[in-house]
Structure formats: structure tokens, C-alpha cells
């Protein structure tokens, strides 16, 4: 089965799906496709093609299933995008440009007014198209700029702050923990001065390392050798102060192990997620995939509104360092076969087997 999104329950019956087609409901585009027996093609619910007769239509949970049944995609490249949807994309892109060029996070009301939408609807539309809220998008953009500037060999930390678009260093330092997960000087110094607690344990999938910064769990690593996991953590923050966890911390590790052993268990721990804007969009989409469900890389690319970025989506999955918490193991190839997994294909296979049994 392929993931259908948070609104799948709205389209759980054939009648509800037919009404979505009649209404050109773009919200249903990530939930199912419909095929027309008389033409042999399939489309998304929002397709602008001529409405077929109801008796000639059948529904599929994904494009892959429609193609396996012998249908081909509509040849109209824009057939799945109504004028309303295209206009919505243009509005969101303009909002992204405004966010990227602003010193502060623009007020939601200001962004919505520019798009001529209500704040509530604009917030919903923006997240649907980008995978992030306007605020999260702004924070991720700023984080990328600051990281790029701090990564430059020349210049001071202050130069990097101004180079990232801040008009005053005080405004940056007010939010530096949120932007970088640590102070700018610490980031440039490879995590110098940052305290990261960690512990290594064992589970049925092998060794597991859990690390936590002041903001939350920053790494969940799986492997065969405990020492290799510790070296991986050291490589990420070569100058951070790594401290072995105490009994209280080990109880938190036990909670993470519990999720590995019983995938239906919720992980109720704060996460310290750091990545580029694109990575965060992919990771946010991954976290929305229900237990026991898989998606293809192309499905995931479409879900974040970047259908041509399949390889970039795969790289973002590979960059994930929070195993299980960000479930990149739920992404498979288009034909359903298992692809690479940072912590080994066999672990991926076993995680999916456990989840399928729920």
C-alpha cells in the first residue's frame, strides 16, 4: 500500500473519490488516482481533462498500481494542475522569496495579505506546497545561510552573521540556538564547548547509539560495532564535549530501543533536527508516513512538490541521522524493492517486517 496523506480518510469510499473528481479537488491528489477504462489512461483528481462517465472509472491508491493494472498516465502534462493550483504555487513561491530576503520572519498576516488569502488558509497552503510552515521555512533558510557563511575559511563570526543577512548581531544571537543548535562560534569550531550526552546499547538490530544536545535527541545510529557508532558521532562534532549518559539518560535510550523493537510505540522525546531547507521538507514528509506504510522515492518527491527531485530526495533520506524517529526506512523503490539504507538493507527489511505485522 502507498501512503495517502493525512486526508486519506476523506476519500475512503468510491463515492467520496468520485465527488473529489467532480470538484477537481487538488487536496485528493496525494490520496489516489482514477483510471478511465475507455481511454486506458489515469489522472489525478484535480485533472482538467473532460469528466468521464462514472461507470467507466476505477480508482487506485497510487499511480504505480494504476500502471501495474495496464493504464498509462495522461499525456496532458498540465492535466493534473488546475489554474487555481498553478496560481497557488506562484503565490507560495513569491512568499518564499519574501521570506528569504527578509531579516526577520515576516508576519503571517503580512504574507497572507500579499497572497490575498486569509492567514489560516495561507498557512495551510504554504505547508502543503513546501512541507514546512512559513516560520519553519524561514528558520531553515537562515540556518543554511549562516552555516554557509560560517563554513567559509575567511572572516569573523560577526562577518558571517552580517553575510547571512542579519542587520544586527544581537538579533542573530537571540535565535542562534534555534538556527544552529548551538552558538555560532561553537558551530565554526566543530562543536567546541557544546555538551552532547550519549550512550550505546544493544537491541535486536545490533548496536544502537543515542545522543542528546541541549535541544533534544540529535542522533540515533544503528550498526554492528559500538566503537564505529561513537566515531561517527565524533566526526559530526569533532570538538564537542561528549559525555557518557547516566542512569537517567540510559532510561531514555531504553525508550528509543522500545520503538525499534515495537514500531507501533510512539517516541515522545524532543528532537534536535538540523538540515537544509530541502532536507527538512523531506524529513517532515517522512515523519507523516504512518507505521506499516511505504512510499517510493518518486512518491515522496511528489509529496513535497518536487516531482523531478527524486535523487535529491534519496540523498536527503541518506543524510538522516535519526533512525526510526525520522522513518526513512519506509521509502522503497518504485517497484517495491528495497534500496540502500544508511544502516544496512537487512535492518531496513526487518523494520518493515515488524511494522507490517501491526
Protein backbone atom coordinates (compact mmCIF):
# COMPACT_ATOMS: atom_id res chain seq x y z
CA UNK A 1 0.00 0.00 0.00
CA UNK A 2 1.19 3.54 -0.71
CA UNK A 3 0.84 6.40 1.73
CA UNK A 4 -2.17 8.56 1.06
CA UNK A 5 -1.54 11.53 3.36
CA UNK A 6 -3.33 12.91 6.38
CA UNK A 7 -6.59 13.36 4.47
CA UNK A 8 -6.91 9.76 3.28
CA UNK A 9 -9.98 9.22 5.49
CA UNK A 10 -11.83 11.90 3.48
CA UNK A 11 -11.52 9.75 0.36
CA UNK A 12 -12.02 6.29 1.80
CA UNK A 13 -15.05 5.38 -0.34
CA UNK A 14 -15.57 5.29 -4.10
CA UNK A 15 -18.38 7.84 -3.80
CA UNK A 16 -16.14 10.28 -1.90
CA UNK A 17 -13.45 9.83 -4.53
CA UNK A 18 -15.88 10.44 -7.35
CA UNK A 19 -17.05 13.65 -5.70
CA UNK A 20 -13.40 14.75 -5.43
CA UNK A 21 -13.02 14.23 -9.19
CA UNK A 22 -16.20 16.15 -9.95
CA UNK A 23 -14.97 19.02 -7.76
CA UNK A 24 -11.40 18.95 -9.16
CA UNK A 25 -10.25 18.65 -5.53
CA UNK A 26 -6.46 19.11 -5.53
CA UNK A 27 -6.31 18.03 -1.88
CA UNK A 28 -7.04 14.50 -3.06
CA UNK A 29 -4.09 14.41 -5.48
CA UNK A 30 -1.82 12.70 -2.94
CA UNK A 31 -4.53 10.21 -1.95
CA UNK A 32 -5.48 8.36 -5.13
CA UNK A 33 -5.63 8.40 -8.93
CA UNK A 34 -8.51 7.46 -11.20
CA UNK A 35 -8.36 5.49 -14.43
CA UNK A 36 -10.76 5.55 -17.38
CA UNK A 37 -11.45 2.15 -18.92
CA UNK A 38 -12.45 3.56 -22.33
CA UNK A 39 -9.24 5.56 -22.83
CA UNK A 40 -6.73 3.44 -20.89
CA UNK A 41 -5.25 6.46 -19.07
CA UNK A 42 -5.16 7.55 -15.44
CA UNK A 43 -5.21 11.04 -13.92
CA UNK A 44 -5.15 12.79 -10.58
CA UNK A 45 -8.45 14.03 -9.11
CA UNK A 46 -7.72 17.68 -9.97
CA UNK A 47 -7.13 16.90 -13.66
CA UNK A 48 -8.65 19.42 -16.06
CA UNK A 49 -9.43 16.76 -18.65
CA UNK A 50 -13.03 16.12 -19.66
CA UNK A 51 -15.08 14.47 -16.92
CA UNK A 52 -15.54 10.76 -17.78
CA UNK A 53 -18.69 8.74 -17.24
CA UNK A 54 -18.85 7.32 -13.72
CA UNK A 55 -19.32 3.73 -14.94
CA UNK A 56 -16.01 3.91 -16.86
CA UNK A 57 -13.93 4.95 -13.85
CA UNK A 58 -11.95 2.87 -11.40
CA UNK A 59 -9.76 4.04 -8.54
CA UNK A 60 -6.22 3.19 -7.46
CA UNK A 61 -4.31 4.15 -4.33
CA UNK A 62 -1.27 5.16 -6.38
CA UNK A 63 0.00 5.74 -9.90
CA UNK A 64 2.18 2.63 -9.56
CA UNK A 65 -0.89 0.45 -9.02
CA UNK A 66 -2.69 2.03 -11.95
CA UNK A 67 0.27 1.31 -14.23
CA UNK A 68 0.52 -2.26 -12.97
CA UNK A 69 -3.13 -2.65 -13.99
CA UNK A 70 -2.21 -1.62 -17.53
CA UNK A 71 -3.09 2.07 -17.54
CA UNK A 72 -0.79 4.83 -18.78
CA UNK A 73 -0.54 8.39 -17.45
CA UNK A 74 -2.44 11.17 -19.17
CA UNK A 75 -0.43 12.76 -21.99
CA UNK A 76 -1.57 16.21 -20.98
CA UNK A 77 1.46 17.38 -18.92
CA UNK A 78 -0.57 20.09 -17.19
CA UNK A 79 -3.70 18.00 -16.91
CA UNK A 80 -3.21 17.37 -13.22
CA UNK A 81 -2.83 21.05 -12.35
CA UNK A 82 -5.80 23.36 -12.43
CA UNK A 83 -5.34 27.09 -12.94
CA UNK A 84 -6.13 27.53 -9.26
CA UNK A 85 -3.34 25.16 -8.26
CA UNK A 86 -0.83 26.83 -10.59
CA UNK A 87 -1.73 30.22 -9.17
CA UNK A 88 -1.35 28.88 -5.66
CA UNK A 89 2.15 27.63 -6.44
CA UNK A 90 3.10 31.05 -7.80
CA UNK A 91 1.83 32.73 -4.62
CA UNK A 92 3.82 30.37 -2.41
CA UNK A 93 6.98 30.91 -4.46
CA UNK A 94 6.59 34.67 -4.07
CA UNK A 95 6.14 34.23 -0.33
CA UNK A 96 9.32 32.11 -0.22
CA UNK A 97 11.26 34.87 -1.98
CA UNK A 98 9.98 37.40 0.55
CA UNK A 99 10.95 35.17 3.46
CA UNK A 100 14.42 34.53 2.03
CA UNK A 101 15.12 38.25 1.54
CA UNK A 102 13.80 39.41 4.93
CA UNK A 103 15.93 39.99 8.01
CA UNK A 104 13.17 38.79 10.31
CA UNK A 105 10.49 36.17 9.81
CA UNK A 106 7.70 38.12 8.06
CA UNK A 107 4.46 38.29 9.98
CA UNK A 108 1.98 35.61 8.90
CA UNK A 109 -0.68 38.25 8.32
CA UNK A 110 1.68 40.16 6.04
CA UNK A 111 2.48 37.09 3.98
CA UNK A 112 -1.19 36.15 3.74
CA UNK A 113 -2.20 39.67 2.73
CA UNK A 114 0.37 39.64 -0.07
CA UNK A 115 -1.11 36.37 -1.33
CA UNK A 116 -4.65 37.75 -0.87
CA UNK A 117 -5.55 34.82 1.36
CA UNK A 118 -6.67 34.54 4.96
CA UNK A 119 -3.82 33.80 7.42
CA UNK A 120 -5.27 30.38 8.27
CA UNK A 121 -5.69 29.32 4.65
CA UNK A 122 -2.31 30.74 3.61
CA UNK A 123 -0.60 28.80 6.42
CA UNK A 124 -2.27 25.60 5.21
CA UNK A 125 -1.44 26.24 1.55
CA UNK A 126 2.20 27.13 2.28
CA UNK A 127 2.77 23.95 4.30
CA UNK A 128 1.04 21.83 1.65
CA UNK A 129 3.36 23.16 -1.08
CA UNK A 130 6.67 23.37 0.82
CA UNK A 131 6.29 20.77 3.56
CA UNK A 132 7.14 23.42 6.19
CA UNK A 133 5.27 26.18 7.96
CA UNK A 134 6.30 29.74 6.99
CA UNK A 135 8.17 30.12 10.28
CA UNK A 136 9.99 26.79 9.92
CA UNK A 137 10.90 27.67 6.33
CA UNK A 138 12.36 30.99 7.45
CA UNK A 139 14.41 29.36 10.22
CA UNK A 140 15.75 26.71 7.83
CA UNK A 141 16.69 29.35 5.23
CA UNK A 142 18.53 31.39 7.82
CA UNK A 143 20.28 28.31 9.17
CA UNK A 144 21.56 27.42 5.70
CA UNK A 145 22.86 30.95 5.11
CA UNK A 146 24.62 31.10 8.47
CA UNK A 147 26.17 27.65 8.02
CA UNK A 148 27.45 28.61 4.58
CA UNK A 149 28.99 31.81 5.95
CA UNK A 150 30.49 30.12 8.99
CA UNK A 151 31.91 27.41 6.78
CA UNK A 152 33.94 29.95 4.82
CA UNK A 153 37.61 29.95 5.70
CA UNK A 154 37.93 33.74 5.96
CA UNK A 155 36.17 36.34 8.09
CA UNK A 156 34.99 36.56 11.66
CA UNK A 157 31.79 35.19 13.17
CA UNK A 158 30.38 38.72 13.01
CA UNK A 159 31.17 38.87 9.29
CA UNK A 160 29.32 35.58 8.84
CA UNK A 161 26.27 36.90 10.70
CA UNK A 162 26.04 40.00 8.51
CA UNK A 163 26.81 37.96 5.42
CA UNK A 164 23.80 35.76 6.17
CA UNK A 165 21.52 38.79 6.02
CA UNK A 166 21.21 39.86 9.65
CA UNK A 167 21.32 43.61 10.15
CA UNK A 168 22.49 43.28 13.72
CA UNK A 169 24.40 40.59 15.59
CA UNK A 170 22.10 40.90 18.61
CA UNK A 171 19.13 39.65 16.59
CA UNK A 172 21.10 36.63 15.45
CA UNK A 173 22.27 35.69 18.95
CA UNK A 174 18.69 35.85 20.19
CA UNK A 175 17.87 32.92 17.93
CA UNK A 176 21.24 31.22 17.40
CA UNK A 177 20.29 28.13 19.39
CA UNK A 178 17.25 27.65 17.20
CA UNK A 179 19.15 28.36 13.99
CA UNK A 180 22.27 26.28 14.62
CA UNK A 181 21.55 24.21 17.71
CA UNK A 182 24.49 25.99 19.38
CA UNK A 183 26.30 29.31 19.42
CA UNK A 184 27.90 30.44 16.14
CA UNK A 185 31.45 30.29 17.49
CA UNK A 186 30.83 26.77 18.74
CA UNK A 187 29.49 25.70 15.36
CA UNK A 188 32.50 27.09 13.49
CA UNK A 189 34.78 25.35 15.98
CA UNK A 190 33.25 21.96 15.24
CA UNK A 191 31.03 21.98 18.30
CA UNK A 192 33.66 23.26 20.73
CA UNK A 193 32.02 23.95 24.08
CA UNK A 194 28.88 22.02 23.24
CA UNK A 195 27.94 19.20 25.59
CA UNK A 196 26.45 16.13 23.96
CA UNK A 197 25.41 13.23 26.14
CA UNK A 198 25.33 9.80 24.59
CA UNK A 199 25.03 6.14 25.36
CA UNK A 200 25.48 2.95 23.37
CA UNK A 201 23.24 -0.02 23.91
CA UNK A 202 22.17 -3.21 22.22
CA UNK A 203 18.93 -4.17 20.51
CA UNK A 204 17.82 -6.98 18.23
CA UNK A 205 19.11 -4.98 15.24
CA UNK A 206 22.62 -4.70 16.68
CA UNK A 207 24.27 -1.79 18.44
CA UNK A 208 22.44 1.50 18.89
CA UNK A 209 23.78 4.93 19.87
CA UNK A 210 21.55 7.71 21.15
CA UNK A 211 22.91 11.25 21.60
CA UNK A 212 21.26 14.35 23.01
CA UNK A 213 22.18 18.03 22.85
CA UNK A 214 20.57 20.74 24.95
CA UNK A 215 17.75 20.95 22.40
CA UNK A 216 16.89 17.28 22.11
CA UNK A 217 17.91 13.95 20.61
CA UNK A 218 20.41 14.77 17.85
CA UNK A 219 21.44 11.28 16.75
CA UNK A 220 20.08 7.73 16.71
CA UNK A 221 22.62 5.50 14.99
CA UNK A 222 22.48 1.76 14.26
CA UNK A 223 25.39 -0.54 13.44
CA UNK A 224 27.41 -3.64 14.16
CA UNK A 225 30.25 -2.12 16.18
CA UNK A 226 29.69 0.27 19.13
CA UNK A 227 33.07 1.93 18.57
CA UNK A 228 32.17 2.75 14.97
CA UNK A 229 28.99 4.47 16.13
CA UNK A 230 30.94 6.60 18.60
CA UNK A 231 33.42 7.56 15.86
CA UNK A 232 30.51 8.58 13.64
CA UNK A 233 29.23 10.89 16.38
CA UNK A 234 32.73 12.32 16.91
CA UNK A 235 33.04 13.04 13.19
CA UNK A 236 29.84 15.07 13.28
CA UNK A 237 31.06 17.21 16.21
CA UNK A 238 34.84 16.74 16.43
CA UNK A 239 35.33 19.33 19.17
CA UNK A 240 32.16 18.85 21.19
CA UNK A 241 32.35 17.53 24.73
CA UNK A 242 30.93 14.01 24.55
CA UNK A 243 29.78 12.71 27.91
CA UNK A 244 28.57 9.21 28.64
CA UNK A 245 24.99 9.19 29.83
CA UNK A 246 24.00 8.42 33.39
CA UNK A 247 21.19 6.10 34.53
CA UNK A 248 18.53 8.68 33.71
CA UNK A 249 19.90 9.04 30.20
CA UNK A 250 20.06 5.29 29.75
CA UNK A 251 16.34 5.15 30.51
CA UNK A 252 15.82 7.46 27.54
CA UNK A 253 17.92 5.11 25.41
CA UNK A 254 15.64 2.30 26.55
CA UNK A 255 12.67 4.29 25.25
CA UNK A 256 14.32 4.58 21.83
CA UNK A 257 15.12 0.86 21.84
CA UNK A 258 11.46 0.22 22.65
CA UNK A 259 10.45 1.96 19.43
CA UNK A 260 12.89 -0.19 17.45
CA UNK A 261 11.55 -3.38 19.00
CA UNK A 262 7.87 -2.36 18.83
CA UNK A 263 7.38 0.06 15.89
CA UNK A 264 3.85 0.99 16.96
CA UNK A 265 5.24 2.67 20.08
CA UNK A 266 5.35 6.48 19.96
CA UNK A 267 8.66 8.23 20.59
CA UNK A 268 7.78 11.07 22.94
CA UNK A 269 11.15 12.81 23.02
CA UNK A 270 12.21 16.25 21.74
CA UNK A 271 14.35 16.07 18.60
CA UNK A 272 17.23 18.35 17.58
CA UNK A 273 16.78 18.25 13.80
CA UNK A 274 19.36 20.17 11.77
CA UNK A 275 19.42 20.22 7.99
CA UNK A 276 18.97 22.26 4.85
CA UNK A 277 15.57 23.59 3.82
CA UNK A 278 15.17 20.75 1.34
CA UNK A 279 16.25 18.08 3.83
CA UNK A 280 13.81 19.36 6.42
CA UNK A 281 10.99 19.24 3.89
CA UNK A 282 11.85 15.62 3.11
CA UNK A 283 12.25 14.67 6.76
CA UNK A 284 8.96 16.31 7.70
CA UNK A 285 7.22 14.31 4.96
CA UNK A 286 8.88 11.13 6.24
CA UNK A 287 7.52 11.73 9.73
CA UNK A 288 4.00 11.86 8.30
CA UNK A 289 4.19 8.32 6.86
CA UNK A 290 2.12 6.02 9.09
CA UNK A 291 3.52 2.84 10.63
CA UNK A 292 3.14 -0.09 8.25
CA UNK A 293 3.01 2.07 5.12
CA UNK A 294 5.72 2.56 2.49
CA UNK A 295 6.23 5.13 -0.26
CA UNK A 296 8.53 5.26 -3.25
CA UNK A 297 11.18 7.95 -3.70
CA UNK A 298 9.10 9.39 -6.56
CA UNK A 299 6.00 9.42 -4.34
CA UNK A 300 7.94 11.31 -1.69
CA UNK A 301 9.28 13.78 -4.25
CA UNK A 302 5.75 14.48 -5.45
CA UNK A 303 4.54 14.81 -1.88
CA UNK A 304 6.90 17.71 -1.21
CA UNK A 305 6.05 19.32 -4.54
CA UNK A 306 9.35 18.43 -6.26
CA UNK A 307 8.49 15.55 -8.65
CA UNK A 308 11.79 15.84 -10.55
CA UNK A 309 13.97 15.79 -7.43
CA UNK A 310 13.90 12.03 -6.86
CA UNK A 311 17.67 11.73 -6.50
CA UNK A 312 17.83 14.69 -4.14
CA UNK A 313 15.09 13.09 -2.04
CA UNK A 314 17.14 9.88 -1.88
CA UNK A 315 20.19 11.85 -0.73
CA UNK A 316 18.13 13.58 1.97
CA UNK A 317 16.97 10.18 3.20
CA UNK A 318 20.59 9.04 3.32
CA UNK A 319 21.59 12.14 5.31
CA UNK A 320 19.11 11.37 8.07
CA UNK A 321 20.91 10.59 11.34
CA UNK A 322 17.80 9.93 13.45
CA UNK A 323 17.00 6.31 12.68
CA UNK A 324 13.39 5.29 13.38
CA UNK A 325 12.48 8.76 14.71
CA UNK A 326 12.61 10.00 11.10
CA UNK A 327 11.49 6.79 9.35
CA UNK A 328 13.48 6.84 6.11
CA UNK A 329 13.27 3.03 6.16
CA UNK A 330 9.68 3.41 4.88
CA UNK A 331 10.90 4.59 1.49
CA UNK A 332 11.36 1.91 -1.19
CA UNK A 333 11.97 1.76 -4.91
CA UNK A 334 9.12 2.31 -7.33
CA UNK A 335 8.77 -1.43 -7.92
CA UNK A 336 8.61 -2.06 -4.17
CA UNK A 337 12.14 -3.44 -3.91
CA UNK A 338 14.34 -2.33 -1.03
CA UNK A 339 17.02 0.21 -1.82
CA UNK A 340 20.02 1.39 0.16
CA UNK A 341 19.71 2.22 3.83
CA UNK A 342 22.28 4.10 5.87
CA UNK A 343 22.27 1.37 8.49
CA UNK A 344 22.03 -1.65 6.18
CA UNK A 345 19.32 -3.09 3.95
CA UNK A 346 18.76 -6.07 6.25
CA UNK A 347 17.87 -3.73 9.12
CA UNK A 348 15.50 -1.91 6.81
CA UNK A 349 13.90 -5.20 5.81
CA UNK A 350 13.45 -6.22 9.44
CA UNK A 351 11.95 -2.86 10.47
CA UNK A 352 9.43 -3.07 7.64
CA UNK A 353 8.62 -6.68 8.53
CA UNK A 354 7.87 -5.70 12.12
CA UNK A 355 5.72 -2.77 11.07
CA UNK A 356 3.79 -4.87 8.53
CA UNK A 357 2.77 -7.19 11.36
CA UNK A 358 0.94 -4.45 13.28
